[in-house]
Amino acid sequence: MPEAPTIYTVAREAGVSIATVSRALRRPADLRPETRDRVLRAVADLGYVPSGPAHGLATGRTRVLGLAQTDLFDHEAESGHEVMLYSDQVLWGVERGAREAGYAILLATADQFWGGFDLELAGKTDGMVVLARTVPPTVLERLARRLPVVVAAGPRTPEHLDHVGVANAEGTVAVTAHLLEVHGADRVAFLGGPPDSPDAAARFEGHQAALAGAGLPVPDRPDAAGNFTEGGGRAAMRALLAAGERPRAVVCANDQMAVGALAALDEAGLRAPDDVLLTGFDDVQLARHLVPPLTTVHQPMRQLGAVAVELLLRRIDDPHAEPKAVELPTHLVVRRSCGCQLEDDDHHAPKG
């Protein structure tokens, strides 16, 4: 059996150094196209497969990034397990950002309030992207002492860690103001998310700010609450309708809750937007395909994942850099569920 080709064999075949071979495989954009193509052609001709363990021993790196996130399935959905569409989009951004930098992704999922986080598993990575609320604060601190960590979503806590989030409050200011100013809604209810979710809290604060700006009474808590799932949105809307007061408009804390809210309206013989103006938050791909298409707040979920990877690679390369926080903008996307009559169901309104 012939000996397996090595990086030295590839370098000799391509007429370059082993460092150039390594760059062609891991950071091809760093090389001139003709050099990169020559190396990759030699790799293909020789059938060379890089050795991950050998590279790790030589560099002290695994070329693997970890992503800690909550369970990708909505186990409370009444129609079965539904993919958590927000997490799926963030994962897409993380995976693409890592792949472009020559890294693989190790995905660690768990139920929320994951107390049994596997530190040994994390140790197989060069660093971790941790979605907010996935890891308890005490475990997050232990993890950050062991390897580079970036927190994605939620507020910037703790402040000594790199963080990327989105403008949650500004988003719900925009959508609530749209319902008040454009549609003249005299009563706008809010279906909140989990009570301990910082993102849900920030979105409700934006709703409160819009009501205050319009001189309307400001509630101190959401009219009803769910858990960011379709089943939670259905239950929250049922509770709202059961209270006996039907608001003219409803702002949901995320799109999946809005899907459940639409189902609850249908159960009650009501329709959006004829009977209730309905909006969401996230702008998942499903939102434009609902009947009616969902007015919502777009947050850049894929970009959130990609920027988290950028921050993590920066931290890996420079462990002593000052912590960095990035806030990504949100904007209103107007469709027909709020009562707007549009030929194009993807009308991006200016940010409020």
Protein backbone atom coordinates (compact mmCIF):
# COMPACT_ATOMS: atom_id res chain seq x y z
CA MET A 1 0.00 0.00 0.00
CA PRO A 2 1.55 3.35 -1.02
CA GLU A 3 2.33 5.88 1.67
CA ALA A 4 -0.26 8.57 2.24
CA PRO A 5 0.78 11.96 0.83
CA THR A 6 1.89 14.56 3.37
CA ILE A 7 1.89 18.33 3.38
CA TYR A 8 5.55 18.14 2.35
CA THR A 9 4.57 16.07 -0.70
CA VAL A 10 1.99 18.68 -1.69
CA ALA A 11 4.44 21.55 -1.18
CA ARG A 12 7.03 19.82 -3.38
CA GLU A 13 4.49 19.05 -6.10
CA ALA A 14 3.18 22.65 -6.13
CA GLY A 15 6.59 24.26 -5.76
CA VAL A 16 5.66 26.21 -2.63
CA SER A 17 6.39 26.16 1.09
CA ILE A 18 4.38 24.07 3.56
CA ALA A 19 3.13 27.35 5.07
CA THR A 20 1.64 28.27 1.69
CA VAL A 21 -0.05 24.87 1.47
CA SER A 22 -1.54 25.43 4.92
CA ARG A 23 -2.84 28.87 3.94
CA ALA A 24 -4.34 27.53 0.71
CA LEU A 25 -6.33 24.97 2.71
CA ARG A 26 -7.34 27.13 5.65
CA ARG A 27 -7.33 30.75 4.46
CA PRO A 28 -7.37 30.59 0.64
CA ALA A 29 -8.35 34.24 0.29
CA ASP A 30 -4.89 35.19 1.65
CA LEU A 31 -3.16 33.84 -1.48
CA ARG A 32 -2.95 34.96 -5.09
CA PRO A 33 -5.48 32.98 -7.15
CA GLU A 34 -2.82 31.32 -9.30
CA THR A 35 -0.88 30.14 -6.24
CA ARG A 36 -4.00 28.91 -4.49
CA ASP A 37 -5.17 27.04 -7.59
CA ARG A 38 -1.77 25.40 -8.04
CA VAL A 39 -1.77 24.15 -4.47
CA LEU A 40 -5.36 22.91 -4.60
CA ARG A 41 -4.66 21.12 -7.86
CA ALA A 42 -1.73 19.33 -6.22
CA VAL A 43 -3.92 18.44 -3.25
CA ALA A 44 -6.53 16.92 -5.57
CA ASP A 45 -4.00 15.08 -7.76
CA LEU A 46 -2.22 13.54 -4.76
CA GLY A 47 -5.37 12.83 -2.76
CA TYR A 48 -3.97 14.67 0.26
CA VAL A 49 -6.16 14.84 3.37
CA PRO A 50 -4.97 17.22 6.15
CA SER A 51 -4.50 15.69 9.58
CA GLY A 52 -6.54 17.60 12.13
CA PRO A 53 -4.82 16.06 15.19
CA ALA A 54 -1.37 16.68 13.72
CA HIS A 55 -2.23 20.30 12.96
CA GLY A 56 -3.57 20.72 16.47
CA LEU A 57 -0.41 19.36 18.02
CA ALA A 58 1.73 21.66 15.90
CA THR A 59 -0.27 24.84 16.44
CA GLY A 60 -2.12 24.27 19.70
CA ARG A 61 -5.40 24.82 17.82
CA THR A 62 -8.16 22.44 16.79
CA ARG A 63 -9.60 24.53 13.91
CA VAL A 64 -12.98 23.87 15.50
CA LEU A 65 -15.34 26.50 16.91
CA GLY A 66 -18.17 25.62 19.26
CA LEU A 67 -21.73 26.93 19.22
CA ALA A 68 -23.77 26.52 22.39
CA GLN A 69 -27.45 27.10 21.75
CA THR A 70 -30.82 25.96 23.02
CA ASP A 71 -32.72 23.04 21.60
CA LEU A 72 -33.56 23.58 17.92
CA PHE A 73 -37.05 22.13 18.31
CA ASP A 74 -40.24 23.52 19.73
CA HIS A 75 -41.38 20.49 21.72
CA GLU A 76 -44.55 22.29 22.87
CA ALA A 77 -45.93 22.90 19.39
CA GLU A 78 -49.33 21.27 19.17
CA SER A 79 -48.66 19.96 15.66
CA GLY A 80 -45.46 18.19 16.67
CA HIS A 81 -41.83 19.22 16.82
CA GLU A 82 -41.30 22.52 15.05
CA VAL A 83 -37.85 23.84 14.24
CA MET A 84 -36.94 26.98 16.18
CA LEU A 85 -36.55 29.15 13.10
CA TYR A 86 -34.54 31.92 14.77
CA SER A 87 -31.84 29.55 16.06
CA ASP A 88 -31.67 27.84 12.68
CA GLN A 89 -30.81 31.13 10.95
CA VAL A 90 -28.17 32.07 13.55
CA LEU A 91 -26.60 28.63 13.12
CA TRP A 92 -26.47 29.19 9.36
CA GLY A 93 -24.53 32.43 9.90
CA VAL A 94 -22.13 30.85 12.38
CA GLU A 95 -21.46 27.86 10.13
CA ARG A 96 -20.83 29.98 7.05
CA GLY A 97 -18.56 32.40 8.90
CA ALA A 98 -16.55 29.53 10.37
CA ARG A 99 -16.30 27.68 7.07
CA GLU A 100 -15.01 30.76 5.25
CA ALA A 101 -12.29 31.07 7.89
CA GLY A 102 -11.31 27.42 7.57
CA TYR A 103 -12.97 26.20 10.75
CA ALA A 104 -15.46 23.44 11.48
CA ILE A 105 -18.36 23.83 13.92
CA LEU A 106 -19.09 21.68 16.95
CA LEU A 107 -22.75 22.18 17.86
CA ALA A 108 -23.81 21.75 21.48
CA THR A 109 -27.53 21.99 22.15
CA ALA A 110 -29.54 21.62 25.32
CA ASP A 111 -32.71 22.71 27.02
CA GLN A 112 -32.75 26.25 28.33
CA PHE A 113 -31.07 26.79 31.70
CA TRP A 114 -28.52 24.17 30.72
CA GLY A 115 -26.83 23.38 34.03
CA GLY A 116 -24.93 20.37 32.76
CA PHE A 117 -22.77 22.14 30.19
CA ASP A 118 -19.93 19.84 29.17
CA LEU A 119 -16.68 21.74 29.73
CA GLU A 120 -14.73 18.80 28.32
CA LEU A 121 -16.69 19.14 25.10
CA ALA A 122 -15.91 22.84 25.00
CA GLY A 123 -12.24 21.97 25.47
CA LYS A 124 -12.24 20.32 22.04
CA THR A 125 -12.70 23.76 20.44
CA ASP A 126 -10.59 26.88 19.99
CA GLY A 127 -13.46 29.02 21.28
CA MET A 128 -17.22 29.12 21.77
CA VAL A 129 -20.10 31.24 20.53
CA VAL A 130 -22.75 31.08 23.25
CA LEU A 131 -26.31 32.15 22.52
CA ALA A 132 -27.76 34.19 25.39
CA ARG A 133 -29.45 32.17 28.16
CA THR A 134 -27.98 28.89 26.89
CA VAL A 135 -25.41 28.62 29.67
CA PRO A 136 -25.99 29.70 33.29
CA PRO A 137 -23.88 32.73 34.34
CA THR A 138 -21.65 30.73 36.69
CA VAL A 139 -20.91 28.15 33.99
CA LEU A 140 -20.33 30.91 31.42
CA GLU A 141 -17.70 32.46 33.70
CA ARG A 142 -15.96 29.10 34.11
CA LEU A 143 -16.06 28.58 30.37
CA ALA A 144 -14.62 32.06 29.64
CA ARG A 145 -11.70 31.41 31.98
CA ARG A 146 -10.82 28.33 29.96
CA LEU A 147 -11.14 29.52 26.36
CA PRO A 148 -12.30 32.48 24.20
CA VAL A 149 -16.06 33.10 24.38
CA VAL A 150 -18.42 35.41 22.52
CA VAL A 151 -22.01 35.91 23.68
CA ALA A 152 -24.62 36.35 20.94
CA ALA A 153 -28.01 38.04 21.50
CA GLY A 154 -29.41 39.30 24.79
CA PRO A 155 -27.82 42.18 26.70
CA ARG A 156 -24.08 42.63 27.09
CA THR A 157 -23.58 40.69 30.31
CA PRO A 158 -21.00 40.15 31.57
CA GLU A 159 -19.33 43.22 30.08
CA HIS A 160 -15.85 41.70 30.05
CA LEU A 161 -16.89 39.28 27.28
CA ASP A 162 -17.25 40.09 23.59
CA HIS A 163 -20.88 40.44 22.58
CA VAL A 164 -23.07 40.87 19.51
CA GLY A 165 -26.75 41.72 19.77
CA VAL A 166 -29.55 43.51 17.93
CA ALA A 167 -31.57 46.67 18.49
CA ASN A 168 -34.59 44.94 20.02
CA ALA A 169 -36.25 47.97 21.63
CA GLU A 170 -35.92 50.12 18.52
CA GLY A 171 -37.61 47.39 16.50
CA THR A 172 -40.75 47.30 18.62
CA VAL A 173 -40.85 51.08 18.82
CA ALA A 174 -41.09 51.03 15.02
CA VAL A 175 -43.78 48.35 14.74
CA THR A 176 -45.97 49.71 17.55
CA ALA A 177 -45.68 53.26 16.20
CA HIS A 178 -46.69 51.97 12.76
CA LEU A 179 -49.88 50.44 14.16
CA LEU A 180 -50.70 53.63 16.08
CA GLU A 181 -49.81 56.24 13.48
CA VAL A 182 -50.56 54.58 10.15
CA HIS A 183 -53.51 52.42 11.13
CA GLY A 184 -54.91 54.49 13.98
CA ALA A 185 -55.11 51.54 16.35
CA ASP A 186 -56.58 52.76 19.64
CA ARG A 187 -55.55 49.66 21.59
CA VAL A 188 -52.32 47.72 20.89
CA ALA A 189 -51.72 44.61 22.99
CA PHE A 190 -48.36 42.91 23.44
CA LEU A 191 -47.81 39.15 23.60
CA GLY A 192 -44.53 38.82 25.48
CA GLY A 193 -41.87 36.15 25.49
CA PRO A 194 -40.35 34.25 28.43
CA PRO A 195 -40.28 36.43 31.57
CA ASP A 196 -36.54 35.91 32.06
CA SER A 197 -35.60 36.61 28.42
CA PRO A 198 -33.63 39.88 28.03
CA ASP A 199 -34.60 40.06 24.35
CA ALA A 200 -38.29 39.73 25.22
CA ALA A 201 -37.91 42.39 27.92
CA ALA A 202 -36.18 44.81 25.53
CA ARG A 203 -38.92 44.33 22.93
CA PHE A 204 -41.61 45.07 25.51
CA GLU A 205 -39.69 48.18 26.59
CA GLY A 206 -39.78 49.39 22.98
CA HIS A 207 -43.53 48.79 22.90
CA GLN A 208 -43.93 50.78 26.12
CA ALA A 209 -41.84 53.63 24.72
CA ALA A 210 -43.99 53.86 21.59
CA LEU A 211 -47.18 54.00 23.68
CA ALA A 212 -45.68 56.66 25.92
CA GLY A 213 -44.60 58.68 22.89
CA ALA A 214 -48.19 58.62 21.63
CA GLY A 215 -49.53 59.79 25.01
CA LEU A 216 -51.31 56.49 25.67
CA PRO A 217 -51.47 54.49 28.90
CA VAL A 218 -48.36 52.37 29.39
CA PRO A 219 -48.84 48.87 30.87
CA ASP A 220 -46.28 47.55 33.30
CA ARG A 221 -46.41 44.02 31.89
CA PRO A 222 -47.36 42.30 28.62
CA ASP A 223 -51.05 41.61 28.07
CA ALA A 224 -50.23 37.89 27.83
CA ALA A 225 -47.00 35.92 27.47
CA GLY A 226 -45.65 32.82 25.79
CA ASN A 227 -42.26 31.24 25.36
CA PHE A 228 -41.21 32.24 21.83
CA THR A 229 -42.84 29.08 20.41
CA GLU A 230 -45.85 28.56 18.16
CA GLY A 231 -47.65 26.75 20.98
CA GLY A 232 -46.84 29.60 23.34
CA GLY A 233 -48.24 32.17 20.93
CA ARG A 234 -51.44 30.20 20.49
CA ALA A 235 -51.93 29.94 24.27
CA ALA A 236 -51.16 33.64 24.79
CA MET A 237 -53.66 34.74 22.16
CA ARG A 238 -56.29 32.40 23.60
CA ALA A 239 -55.72 33.96 27.03
CA LEU A 240 -55.97 37.46 25.60
CA LEU A 241 -59.26 36.71 23.87
CA ALA A 242 -60.61 34.90 26.93
CA ALA A 243 -60.07 38.08 28.99
CA GLY A 244 -63.01 39.54 27.08
CA GLU A 245 -61.34 42.56 25.47
CA ARG A 246 -60.34 42.26 21.84
CA PRO A 247 -57.61 44.77 21.01
CA ARG A 248 -57.50 46.36 17.57
CA ALA A 249 -53.86 45.33 17.16
CA VAL A 250 -51.44 42.80 18.66
CA VAL A 251 -47.64 42.90 18.67
CA CYS A 252 -46.07 39.47 19.18
CA ALA A 253 -42.63 39.10 20.73
CA ASN A 254 -41.46 36.92 17.84
CA ASP A 255 -42.71 35.46 14.56
CA GLN A 256 -43.28 31.93 15.84
CA MET A 257 -45.61 33.26 18.50
CA ALA A 258 -47.40 35.22 15.75
CA VAL A 259 -47.95 31.94 13.86
CA GLY A 260 -49.63 30.50 16.95
CA ALA A 261 -51.60 33.70 17.47
CA LEU A 262 -52.97 33.45 13.92
CA ALA A 263 -54.14 29.92 14.68
CA ALA A 264 -55.87 31.06 17.86
CA LEU A 265 -57.62 33.86 15.97
CA ASP A 266 -58.84 31.33 13.43
CA GLU A 267 -60.19 29.13 16.23
CA ALA A 268 -62.18 32.11 17.48
CA GLY A 269 -63.58 32.86 14.04
CA LEU A 270 -61.44 35.99 13.67
CA ARG A 271 -59.13 37.08 10.88
CA ALA A 272 -56.06 39.24 10.53
CA PRO A 273 -56.10 42.02 9.53
CA ASP A 274 -59.90 42.39 9.25
CA ASP A 275 -60.59 41.81 12.95
CA VAL A 276 -57.12 42.12 14.53
CA LEU A 277 -53.98 43.73 13.15
CA LEU A 278 -51.10 41.34 13.88
CA THR A 279 -47.31 41.73 13.83
CA GLY A 280 -44.23 39.73 14.82
CA PHE A 281 -40.50 40.09 15.31
CA ASP A 282 -37.52 38.34 13.59
CA ASP A 283 -38.63 38.14 9.93
CA VAL A 284 -38.05 34.41 9.55
CA GLN A 285 -38.56 33.10 6.02
CA LEU A 286 -41.94 31.64 6.96
CA ALA A 287 -43.29 35.13 7.75
CA ARG A 288 -43.73 36.12 4.11
CA HIS A 289 -45.57 32.89 3.28
CA LEU A 290 -48.25 33.10 5.97
CA VAL A 291 -51.84 34.01 5.11
CA PRO A 292 -51.84 36.93 5.42
CA PRO A 293 -48.08 37.63 5.05
CA LEU A 294 -46.75 38.83 8.39
CA THR A 295 -45.72 42.40 9.15
CA THR A 296 -42.68 42.04 11.36
CA VAL A 297 -39.38 43.49 12.53
CA HIS A 298 -36.40 42.20 10.61
CA GLN A 299 -33.37 41.32 12.66
CA PRO A 300 -30.22 40.13 10.83
CA MET A 301 -30.10 36.62 12.29
CA ARG A 302 -27.51 35.22 9.89
CA GLN A 303 -25.36 38.31 10.31
CA LEU A 304 -25.61 37.87 14.08
CA GLY A 305 -23.98 34.45 13.74
CA ALA A 306 -21.37 35.64 11.26
CA VAL A 307 -20.34 38.63 13.39
CA ALA A 308 -20.12 36.37 16.46
CA VAL A 309 -17.58 34.26 14.55
CA GLU A 310 -15.63 37.38 13.55
CA LEU A 311 -15.43 38.48 17.17
CA LEU A 312 -14.43 35.00 18.28
CA LEU A 313 -11.61 34.72 15.73
CA ARG A 314 -10.40 38.16 16.82
CA ARG A 315 -10.35 36.98 20.43
CA ILE A 316 -8.53 33.75 19.50
CA ASP A 317 -5.86 35.71 17.63
CA ASP A 318 -5.50 38.33 20.37
CA PRO A 319 -6.58 37.01 23.79
CA HIS A 320 -5.71 40.35 25.45
CA ALA A 321 -7.73 42.63 23.15
CA GLU A 322 -10.26 44.95 24.75
CA PRO A 323 -13.75 43.39 24.86
CA LYS A 324 -15.89 44.50 21.94
CA ALA A 325 -19.67 44.91 21.68
CA VAL A 326 -21.57 45.15 18.39
CA GLU A 327 -25.25 46.08 18.05
CA LEU A 328 -26.86 45.25 14.73
CA PRO A 329 -29.80 47.36 13.50
CA THR A 330 -33.38 46.18 13.02
CA HIS A 331 -36.04 47.54 10.69
CA LEU A 332 -39.74 47.25 10.04
CA VAL A 333 -40.98 45.03 7.19
CA VAL A 334 -44.57 45.88 6.26
CA ARG A 335 -46.82 43.15 4.86
CA ARG A 336 -50.58 42.61 4.88
CA SER A 337 -51.19 41.27 8.40
CA CYS A 338 -51.13 44.80 9.80
CA GLY A 339 -53.73 46.05 7.33
CA CYS A 340 -51.42 47.56 4.73
CA GLN A 341 -52.57 46.84 1.18
CA LEU A 342 -49.36 46.22 -0.74
CA GLU A 343 -48.61 44.67 -4.09
CA ASP A 344 -45.15 43.75 -2.81
CA ASP A 345 -45.30 41.79 0.44
CA ASP A 346 -41.72 42.69 1.33
CA HIS A 347 -41.93 46.44 1.83
CA HIS A 348 -39.07 47.55 4.05
CA ALA A 349 -40.12 50.59 5.99
CA PRO A 350 -37.49 52.94 7.40
CA LYS A 351 -36.32 52.20 10.91
CA GLY A 352 -38.38 53.92 13.57
